[in-house]
Amino acid sequence: MELAKIISEYVTSVNYSDLKDKEIHEAKRRIIDSIAVGKASLNSEPSKITERLFNRYLGDGLTLSGNSISPDLASFYNTLAIRYLDFNDTYLSLEPLHPSDMLGGLFSLGKDKKGKDLILSLIVGYEIGTRLCDSASLRKIGFDHVNFLEIATAAALSKYLNLDRNATYNAISISIVPHIALRQTRTGKLSMWKAGAAAEAVRNATFSVLLAKEGFTGPENPFSGNMGFNKLITELDLSKFDNLGTSKILSTSMKKYPVEYHAEAAVEAALNIQYQGEIRRIYVETYEAGVSILADKEKWRPENKETADHSLPFIIASTLLFRNMWLDNYSKIKDEKVIELMDKIQVLENDEYTKIYPKELPIKLEIITDKGKFETEVRSPRGYYNNPMSDAEVEEKAMKLGLGKEKISELWNMENMEVEKIVA
């Protein structure tokens, strides 16, 4: 069975009336969160580089919605902003994903669209993206999770633009066949492309959907063909696409702290632990993904923000020293006290934790001081799907990032708002 056919049949059959109130509400939470995170990132160096480039050729005045630039470039800019701080949502399965990245594309094509259109299309994208993550691991074979983001975004945008079944099929094919991203983006010392990879994936999906909308056709059988994804990249478990619905957004997780998701519990543990005396040694036990992604060689001396927010040693050391984890922690990368404390940390894989991941994200923190041994364990951090943040916490985070209380109140009732006003 060809996956593009399964997806296109689902995309064209689902309607807003199929959505449950809790799913609609969860989509609103993700939209509010992503707008706040994206706006807070507009002064980041990668956003400014992109803005200078686009303004040089296309005119002044970029905002989160992209303004006068073409939709595909606006998708790149929007998604880069949403992704750069590593503070938007996550889904953890065989493969991880940041599903709200796709909002960058939806915002870019928001002209004449309403909040209901945005909500439905976003939920459709979550449904596809999360099931792709359930169907295979890309990380372990050297490919990047944004390949799944690209497919999910093509599905979401196809719904958004009301493409028929055939055009949706072509959009998915055009999005994935020419654009296979490598995992090198997320190994060793990280770069601005950590966020740029997601931005490029959403840009590719946006352009693919616009081509398909005009009648441009893509390769047949992009997944099942003899040179397709399943043959050359990895075999996807199509049983994960049985009983497609609208509830998978409820299985995704939000971030309370601006760190890679496998470190959320580490921040919580470091904030919770009560110890006395001078630290001699710190032992961290966690699951395989936490060790392999956040504690490889380059993560012990991060030289930039992109690497530091994926560094378990830096995150734990800076949280313990400053009793906080927020964006300003990353200005302390070269702090001698942080480096000194990082050298006292040892990260170990706990086989029992690996077995339970991703149902839980367990971590144990043990601090040895001249006064004795102190330890704490966190099983699922605040914000994980089984320990969700409250609406008040979502609002608090958004306001701390600079989104006004009045704007947030308005967004809770976004169904009939114009998307351009939602993003403004």
Protein backbone atom coordinates (compact mmCIF):
# COMPACT_ATOMS: atom_id res chain seq x y z
CA MET A 1 0.00 0.00 0.00
CA GLU A 2 1.34 3.45 -0.88
CA LEU A 3 1.54 5.78 2.13
CA ALA A 4 0.94 8.90 0.04
CA LYS A 5 -2.43 7.41 -0.93
CA ILE A 6 -3.31 6.70 2.71
CA ILE A 7 -2.39 10.24 3.74
CA SER A 8 -4.18 11.94 0.85
CA GLU A 9 -7.38 9.99 1.49
CA TYR A 10 -7.27 10.99 5.16
CA VAL A 11 -6.47 14.65 4.52
CA THR A 12 -9.39 15.11 2.14
CA SER A 13 -11.89 13.32 4.36
CA VAL A 14 -11.40 14.97 7.76
CA ASN A 15 -13.47 18.04 8.71
CA TYR A 16 -13.61 20.59 11.51
CA SER A 17 -16.79 18.93 12.80
CA ASP A 18 -14.70 15.80 13.50
CA LEU A 19 -12.64 17.64 16.12
CA LYS A 20 -13.31 17.32 19.83
CA ASP A 21 -13.26 20.35 22.12
CA LYS A 22 -10.13 19.16 23.93
CA GLU A 23 -8.29 18.77 20.62
CA ILE A 24 -9.28 22.27 19.52
CA HIS A 25 -8.18 23.66 22.85
CA GLU A 26 -4.84 21.85 22.66
CA ALA A 27 -4.24 23.27 19.18
CA LYS A 28 -4.86 26.77 20.56
CA ARG A 29 -2.30 26.14 23.30
CA ARG A 30 0.30 25.16 20.68
CA ILE A 31 -0.49 28.19 18.52
CA ILE A 32 -0.17 30.59 21.47
CA ASP A 33 3.04 28.92 22.58
CA SER A 34 4.59 28.94 19.10
CA ILE A 35 3.72 32.58 18.43
CA ALA A 36 5.33 33.58 21.72
CA VAL A 37 8.45 31.49 21.08
CA GLY A 38 8.71 32.71 17.48
CA LYS A 39 8.39 36.40 18.34
CA ALA A 40 10.97 36.04 21.11
CA SER A 41 13.41 34.69 18.51
CA LEU A 42 13.11 37.47 15.93
CA ASN A 43 16.20 39.26 17.29
CA SER A 44 18.32 36.09 17.25
CA GLU A 45 21.33 36.04 14.96
CA PRO A 46 19.90 33.42 12.55
CA SER A 47 16.64 35.37 12.21
CA LYS A 48 18.56 38.58 11.56
CA ILE A 49 20.78 36.90 8.96
CA THR A 50 17.69 35.62 7.14
CA GLU A 51 15.95 38.98 7.45
CA ARG A 52 18.96 40.80 5.95
CA LEU A 53 19.09 38.36 3.07
CA PHE A 54 15.39 38.55 2.26
CA ASN A 55 15.19 42.33 2.71
CA ARG A 56 18.16 42.80 0.36
CA TYR A 57 16.26 41.23 -2.49
CA LEU A 58 12.59 41.43 -1.60
CA GLY A 59 11.91 44.58 0.42
CA ASP A 60 11.77 45.71 4.05
CA GLY A 61 9.55 44.95 6.98
CA LEU A 62 9.64 41.25 7.81
CA THR A 63 7.37 40.09 10.61
CA LEU A 64 6.52 36.60 11.84
CA SER A 65 3.99 36.19 9.03
CA GLY A 66 6.57 37.08 6.40
CA ASN A 67 4.82 40.16 4.97
CA SER A 68 5.64 40.75 1.32
CA ILE A 69 7.99 37.85 0.61
CA SER A 70 6.91 34.70 -1.21
CA PRO A 71 5.13 32.04 0.89
CA ASP A 72 7.96 29.53 0.71
CA LEU A 73 10.53 32.07 1.95
CA ALA A 74 8.10 33.27 4.60
CA SER A 75 7.74 29.63 5.67
CA PHE A 76 11.51 29.42 6.12
CA TYR A 77 11.67 32.62 8.14
CA ASN A 78 8.67 31.77 10.32
CA THR A 79 9.81 28.24 11.06
CA LEU A 80 13.36 29.35 11.80
CA ALA A 81 11.98 31.75 14.42
CA ILE A 82 9.67 29.16 15.97
CA ARG A 83 12.43 26.52 16.11
CA TYR A 84 15.59 28.46 16.97
CA LEU A 85 15.13 28.82 20.74
CA ASP A 86 14.40 25.08 20.99
CA PHE A 87 11.38 25.98 23.10
CA ASN A 88 8.35 24.79 21.11
CA ASP A 89 6.65 21.44 21.49
CA THR A 90 7.89 17.88 20.99
CA TYR A 91 6.73 14.36 20.24
CA LEU A 92 8.88 11.43 21.37
CA SER A 93 8.55 7.97 19.87
CA LEU A 94 10.81 5.83 17.67
CA GLU A 95 11.71 9.21 16.17
CA PRO A 96 11.37 12.64 17.83
CA LEU A 97 9.61 15.59 16.19
CA HIS A 98 8.75 19.22 16.90
CA PRO A 99 5.32 19.20 15.26
CA SER A 100 4.46 22.88 15.83
CA ASP A 101 7.32 23.74 13.44
CA MET A 102 4.74 23.31 10.68
CA LEU A 103 2.97 26.45 11.87
CA GLY A 104 5.64 28.40 10.02
CA GLY A 105 4.13 27.21 6.74
CA LEU A 106 0.55 27.65 7.86
CA PHE A 107 1.23 31.24 8.92
CA SER A 108 2.81 32.02 5.55
CA LEU A 109 -0.35 30.99 3.68
CA GLY A 110 -2.77 32.57 6.14
CA LYS A 111 -4.25 35.16 3.79
CA ASP A 112 -8.06 34.77 3.71
CA LYS A 113 -7.87 31.94 6.27
CA LYS A 114 -9.57 31.86 9.67
CA GLY A 115 -8.61 30.35 12.99
CA LYS A 116 -10.78 27.30 12.34
CA ASP A 117 -8.82 26.58 9.17
CA LEU A 118 -5.55 26.92 11.07
CA ILE A 119 -6.67 24.66 13.91
CA LEU A 120 -7.97 21.89 11.64
CA SER A 121 -4.93 21.90 9.38
CA LEU A 122 -2.55 21.89 12.34
CA ILE A 123 -4.30 18.90 13.93
CA VAL A 124 -4.17 17.06 10.59
CA GLY A 125 -0.44 17.70 10.43
CA TYR A 126 0.05 16.43 13.99
CA GLU A 127 -1.85 13.28 13.17
CA ILE A 128 0.44 12.47 10.26
CA GLY A 129 3.72 13.64 11.79
CA THR A 130 3.35 11.71 15.04
CA ARG A 131 2.36 8.49 13.25
CA LEU A 132 5.40 8.80 11.02
CA CYS A 133 7.48 8.98 14.20
CA ASP A 134 5.73 5.87 15.49
CA SER A 135 6.47 4.02 12.25
CA ALA A 136 10.30 4.09 12.16
CA SER A 137 13.47 5.63 13.60
CA LEU A 138 15.40 7.91 11.27
CA ARG A 139 17.93 9.04 13.88
CA LYS A 140 19.49 5.61 14.27
CA ILE A 141 20.18 5.22 10.55
CA GLY A 142 21.61 8.69 9.95
CA PHE A 143 18.63 10.66 8.67
CA ASP A 144 16.97 13.68 10.27
CA HIS A 145 13.51 13.90 11.78
CA VAL A 146 12.66 16.89 9.55
CA ASN A 147 11.97 14.39 6.76
CA PHE A 148 8.85 13.47 8.72
CA LEU A 149 8.12 17.15 9.40
CA GLU A 150 8.18 17.82 5.66
CA ILE A 151 5.58 15.14 4.95
CA ALA A 152 3.36 16.24 7.84
CA THR A 153 3.55 19.88 6.74
CA ALA A 154 2.63 18.96 3.17
CA ALA A 155 -0.43 17.16 4.56
CA ALA A 156 -1.38 20.10 6.79
CA LEU A 157 -0.97 22.66 4.01
CA SER A 158 -2.90 20.50 1.56
CA LYS A 159 -5.81 20.57 3.97
CA TYR A 160 -5.33 24.30 4.52
CA LEU A 161 -5.60 25.03 0.79
CA ASN A 162 -8.39 22.49 0.22
CA LEU A 163 -6.43 20.42 -2.27
CA ASP A 164 -8.22 17.40 -3.70
CA ARG A 165 -6.96 13.85 -3.21
CA ASN A 166 -4.81 13.79 -6.33
CA ALA A 167 -3.16 17.16 -5.66
CA THR A 168 -2.49 16.20 -2.04
CA TYR A 169 -0.80 12.98 -3.22
CA ASN A 170 1.39 15.00 -5.58
CA ALA A 171 2.23 17.57 -2.90
CA ILE A 172 3.45 14.83 -0.56
CA SER A 173 5.50 13.20 -3.31
CA ILE A 174 7.12 16.46 -4.43
CA SER A 175 7.92 17.37 -0.84
CA ILE A 176 9.77 14.17 0.10
CA VAL A 177 11.37 12.65 -3.02
CA PRO A 178 13.87 15.49 -3.72
CA HIS A 179 14.48 16.49 -0.09
CA ILE A 180 16.02 13.87 2.17
CA ALA A 181 17.78 15.51 5.14
CA LEU A 182 20.79 13.96 6.90
CA ARG A 183 21.25 13.56 10.65
CA GLN A 184 24.65 15.30 10.48
CA THR A 185 22.69 18.42 11.41
CA ARG A 186 22.40 17.12 15.00
CA THR A 187 25.72 15.42 15.69
CA GLY A 188 28.75 16.82 17.51
CA LYS A 189 29.08 20.60 17.58
CA LEU A 190 25.77 22.05 16.45
CA SER A 191 25.18 25.04 14.20
CA MET A 192 22.42 27.44 13.22
CA TRP A 193 21.23 24.75 10.81
CA LYS A 194 19.76 22.88 13.80
CA ALA A 195 16.82 25.23 13.36
CA GLY A 196 17.46 25.84 9.68
CA ALA A 197 16.80 22.19 8.84
CA ALA A 198 13.22 22.47 10.06
CA ALA A 199 12.81 25.79 8.28
CA GLU A 200 14.04 24.29 5.01
CA ALA A 201 11.73 21.28 5.39
CA VAL A 202 8.69 23.52 5.86
CA ARG A 203 9.83 25.75 3.01
CA ASN A 204 10.09 22.69 0.73
CA ALA A 205 6.63 21.49 1.78
CA THR A 206 5.11 24.93 1.16
CA PHE A 207 6.55 25.16 -2.35
CA SER A 208 5.53 21.57 -3.10
CA VAL A 209 1.93 22.21 -2.06
CA LEU A 210 1.73 25.39 -4.14
CA LEU A 211 3.06 23.52 -7.18
CA ALA A 212 0.57 20.69 -6.67
CA LYS A 213 -2.27 23.16 -6.25
CA GLU A 214 -1.53 24.48 -9.75
CA GLY A 215 -1.50 20.96 -11.22
CA PHE A 216 2.19 20.05 -11.05
CA THR A 217 2.61 16.29 -10.68
CA GLY A 218 5.12 14.35 -8.62
CA PRO A 219 6.63 10.85 -8.83
CA GLU A 220 4.24 7.95 -8.36
CA ASN A 221 4.74 5.72 -5.33
CA PRO A 222 7.17 7.98 -3.43
CA PHE A 223 7.24 5.54 -0.52
CA SER A 224 6.56 2.11 -2.03
CA GLY A 225 8.30 2.49 -5.39
CA ASN A 226 11.42 0.52 -6.27
CA MET A 227 13.50 3.67 -5.66
CA GLY A 228 11.17 5.07 -2.99
CA PHE A 229 11.53 6.00 0.66
CA ASN A 230 10.74 2.51 1.98
CA LYS A 231 13.39 0.90 -0.20
CA LEU A 232 16.23 3.41 0.11
CA ILE A 233 15.74 5.03 3.54
CA THR A 234 13.72 2.80 5.88
CA GLU A 235 10.61 0.62 5.86
CA LEU A 236 7.73 2.48 7.47
CA ASP A 237 5.26 0.48 9.56
CA LEU A 238 1.98 1.26 7.80
CA SER A 239 -0.06 -0.30 10.62
CA LYS A 240 0.64 2.90 12.55
CA PHE A 241 -1.66 4.66 10.07
CA ASP A 242 -4.67 2.49 10.85
CA ASN A 243 -7.66 4.33 12.31
CA LEU A 244 -6.43 7.83 11.51
CA GLY A 245 -8.28 10.38 13.61
CA THR A 246 -7.60 13.74 15.23
CA SER A 247 -6.41 12.98 18.77
CA LYS A 248 -2.64 12.50 18.39
CA ILE A 249 -2.01 16.13 19.29
CA LEU A 250 -2.94 15.10 22.84
CA SER A 251 0.08 12.77 22.93
CA THR A 252 2.55 15.56 22.23
CA SER A 253 4.36 17.59 24.86
CA MET A 254 5.15 21.22 25.63
CA LYS A 255 8.33 22.69 27.09
CA LYS A 256 8.54 24.53 30.37
CA TYR A 257 12.27 25.16 29.97
CA PRO A 258 14.28 26.24 26.87
CA VAL A 259 16.29 23.03 26.47
CA GLU A 260 16.24 19.95 24.26
CA TYR A 261 13.35 17.81 25.50
CA HIS A 262 15.45 15.01 26.95
CA ALA A 263 16.87 17.59 29.36
CA GLU A 264 13.52 18.89 30.65
CA ALA A 265 13.52 16.38 33.50
CA ALA A 266 17.16 17.19 34.23
CA VAL A 267 16.29 20.85 34.77
CA GLU A 268 13.43 19.88 37.04
CA ALA A 269 15.68 17.53 39.03
CA ALA A 270 18.39 20.20 39.37
CA LEU A 271 15.85 22.73 40.59
CA ASN A 272 14.25 20.29 43.04
CA ILE A 273 17.30 18.69 44.61
CA GLN A 274 18.21 19.88 48.09
CA TYR A 275 21.86 19.43 48.98
CA GLN A 276 24.39 20.82 51.43
CA GLY A 277 28.10 21.37 51.21
CA GLU A 278 30.63 21.68 48.40
CA ILE A 279 29.93 19.56 45.33
CA ARG A 280 32.57 16.91 44.70
CA ARG A 281 30.80 14.80 42.05
CA ILE A 282 27.49 14.63 40.17
CA TYR A 283 26.09 11.41 38.73
CA VAL A 284 23.29 11.53 36.17
CA GLU A 285 21.38 8.40 35.15
CA THR A 286 19.05 8.56 32.19
CA TYR A 287 17.94 6.64 29.07
CA GLU A 288 19.85 5.98 25.85
CA ALA A 289 18.50 8.95 23.86
CA GLY A 290 19.39 11.36 26.65
CA VAL A 291 22.95 10.04 26.74
CA SER A 292 23.62 9.72 23.00
CA ILE A 293 22.03 13.05 22.04
CA LEU A 294 23.00 15.24 25.01
CA ALA A 295 26.25 13.82 26.39
CA ASP A 296 28.52 13.01 23.44
CA LYS A 297 32.05 14.45 23.42
CA GLU A 298 31.26 17.90 21.98
CA LYS A 299 28.53 18.55 24.55
CA TRP A 300 31.09 18.86 27.37
CA ARG A 301 32.52 22.10 26.00
CA PRO A 302 29.70 23.85 24.14
CA GLU A 303 30.87 26.90 22.24
CA ASN A 304 27.52 28.25 21.10
CA LYS A 305 23.87 28.34 22.09
CA GLU A 306 22.91 25.67 19.58
CA THR A 307 25.22 23.14 21.23
CA ALA A 308 24.60 24.31 24.80
CA ASP A 309 20.83 23.71 24.66
CA HIS A 310 21.70 20.11 23.69
CA SER A 311 24.33 19.72 26.41
CA LEU A 312 23.20 17.81 29.48
CA PRO A 313 26.35 18.80 31.41
CA PHE A 314 25.87 22.51 30.66
CA ILE A 315 22.14 22.45 31.39
CA ILE A 316 22.56 20.71 34.74
CA ALA A 317 25.58 22.78 35.80
CA SER A 318 24.05 26.14 34.91
CA THR A 319 20.70 25.24 36.50
CA LEU A 320 22.40 24.21 39.75
CA LEU A 321 24.59 27.33 39.85
CA PHE A 322 21.95 29.91 38.96
CA ARG A 323 18.93 28.05 40.41
CA ASN A 324 17.11 28.78 37.17
CA MET A 325 16.98 27.76 33.53
CA TRP A 326 15.94 30.45 31.11
CA LEU A 327 17.27 31.96 27.91
CA ASP A 328 19.83 34.09 29.73
CA ASN A 329 21.59 30.93 30.96
CA TYR A 330 23.11 30.66 27.49
CA SER A 331 25.09 33.85 28.04
CA LYS A 332 27.09 31.85 30.63
CA ILE A 333 28.58 29.26 28.26
CA LYS A 334 32.13 30.46 28.98
CA ASP A 335 31.57 30.98 32.71
CA GLU A 336 34.46 29.35 34.59
CA LYS A 337 32.23 28.18 37.42
CA VAL A 338 29.91 26.46 34.96
CA ILE A 339 32.83 24.74 33.22
CA GLU A 340 34.29 23.67 36.57
CA LEU A 341 31.00 22.13 37.63
CA MET A 342 30.52 20.42 34.25
CA ASP A 343 33.81 18.60 34.81
CA LYS A 344 32.34 17.04 37.95
CA ILE A 345 29.41 15.49 36.07
CA GLN A 346 29.24 11.90 34.86
CA VAL A 347 26.33 10.78 32.65
CA LEU A 348 25.35 7.09 32.63
CA GLU A 349 22.72 5.08 30.80
CA ASN A 350 20.24 3.28 33.04
CA ASP A 351 18.93 0.23 31.18
CA GLU A 352 15.64 0.28 33.08
CA TYR A 353 15.09 3.89 32.10
CA THR A 354 15.84 3.04 28.44
CA LYS A 355 13.22 0.28 28.53
CA ILE A 356 10.50 2.62 29.78
CA TYR A 357 11.31 5.50 27.38
CA PRO A 358 9.31 7.26 25.87
CA LYS A 359 6.34 6.36 28.09
CA GLU A 360 8.25 8.27 30.74
CA LEU A 361 11.43 10.37 30.61
CA PRO A 362 13.14 9.27 33.83
CA ILE A 363 16.31 10.80 35.19
CA LYS A 364 18.11 10.39 38.50
CA LEU A 365 20.42 13.10 39.79
CA GLU A 366 22.90 12.26 42.55
CA ILE A 367 25.15 14.91 44.09
CA ILE A 368 28.11 13.96 46.27
CA THR A 369 29.36 16.75 48.56
CA ASP A 370 31.65 17.01 51.55
CA LYS A 371 28.44 16.72 53.61
CA GLY A 372 27.17 13.49 52.08
CA LYS A 373 25.06 12.10 49.21
CA PHE A 374 21.87 13.74 47.95
CA GLU A 375 19.63 12.45 45.16
CA THR A 376 16.33 12.97 43.41
CA GLU A 377 14.43 11.34 40.56
CA VAL A 378 12.02 12.80 38.00
CA ARG A 379 9.93 10.39 35.94
CA SER A 380 8.03 12.78 33.63
CA PRO A 381 8.77 16.52 33.62
CA ARG A 382 6.11 19.19 33.75
CA GLY A 383 4.83 19.70 30.21
CA TYR A 384 5.16 16.07 29.12
CA TYR A 385 1.97 14.60 27.69
CA ASN A 386 1.29 12.67 30.93
CA ASN A 387 2.08 15.70 33.13
CA PRO A 388 0.79 18.63 31.05
CA MET A 389 1.28 22.31 31.78
CA SER A 390 -1.88 24.13 32.84
CA ASP A 391 -3.32 26.94 30.72
CA ALA A 392 -2.05 29.35 33.36
CA GLU A 393 1.47 27.97 32.93
CA VAL A 394 1.21 28.26 29.15
CA GLU A 395 0.16 31.88 29.55
CA GLU A 396 2.92 32.57 32.07
CA LYS A 397 5.55 31.22 29.66
CA ALA A 398 4.12 33.23 26.75
CA MET A 399 4.09 36.46 28.78
CA LYS A 400 7.65 35.85 30.00
CA LEU A 401 8.63 35.55 26.33
CA GLY A 402 6.99 38.92 25.63
CA LEU A 403 3.46 38.12 24.40
CA GLY A 404 0.94 40.49 25.98
CA LYS A 405 -1.87 39.35 28.25
CA GLU A 406 -4.49 41.02 26.05
CA LYS A 407 -3.18 39.27 22.95
CA ILE A 408 -3.19 35.90 24.72
CA SER A 409 -6.80 36.41 25.86
CA GLU A 410 -7.78 37.21 22.30
CA LEU A 411 -6.10 34.08 20.97
CA TRP A 412 -8.12 31.75 23.20
CA ASN A 413 -11.06 32.71 20.95
CA MET A 414 -9.29 32.52 17.62
CA GLU A 415 -11.80 30.38 15.70
CA ASN A 416 -13.21 33.24 13.63
CA MET A 417 -10.15 35.49 13.66
CA GLU A 418 -8.24 36.07 10.46
CA VAL A 419 -4.96 34.19 10.58
CA GLU A 420 -3.04 37.35 9.68
CA LYS A 421 -4.44 38.94 12.84
CA ILE A 422 -3.68 35.84 14.91
CA VAL A 423 0.00 36.14 13.99
CA ALA A 424 0.22 39.95 14.10
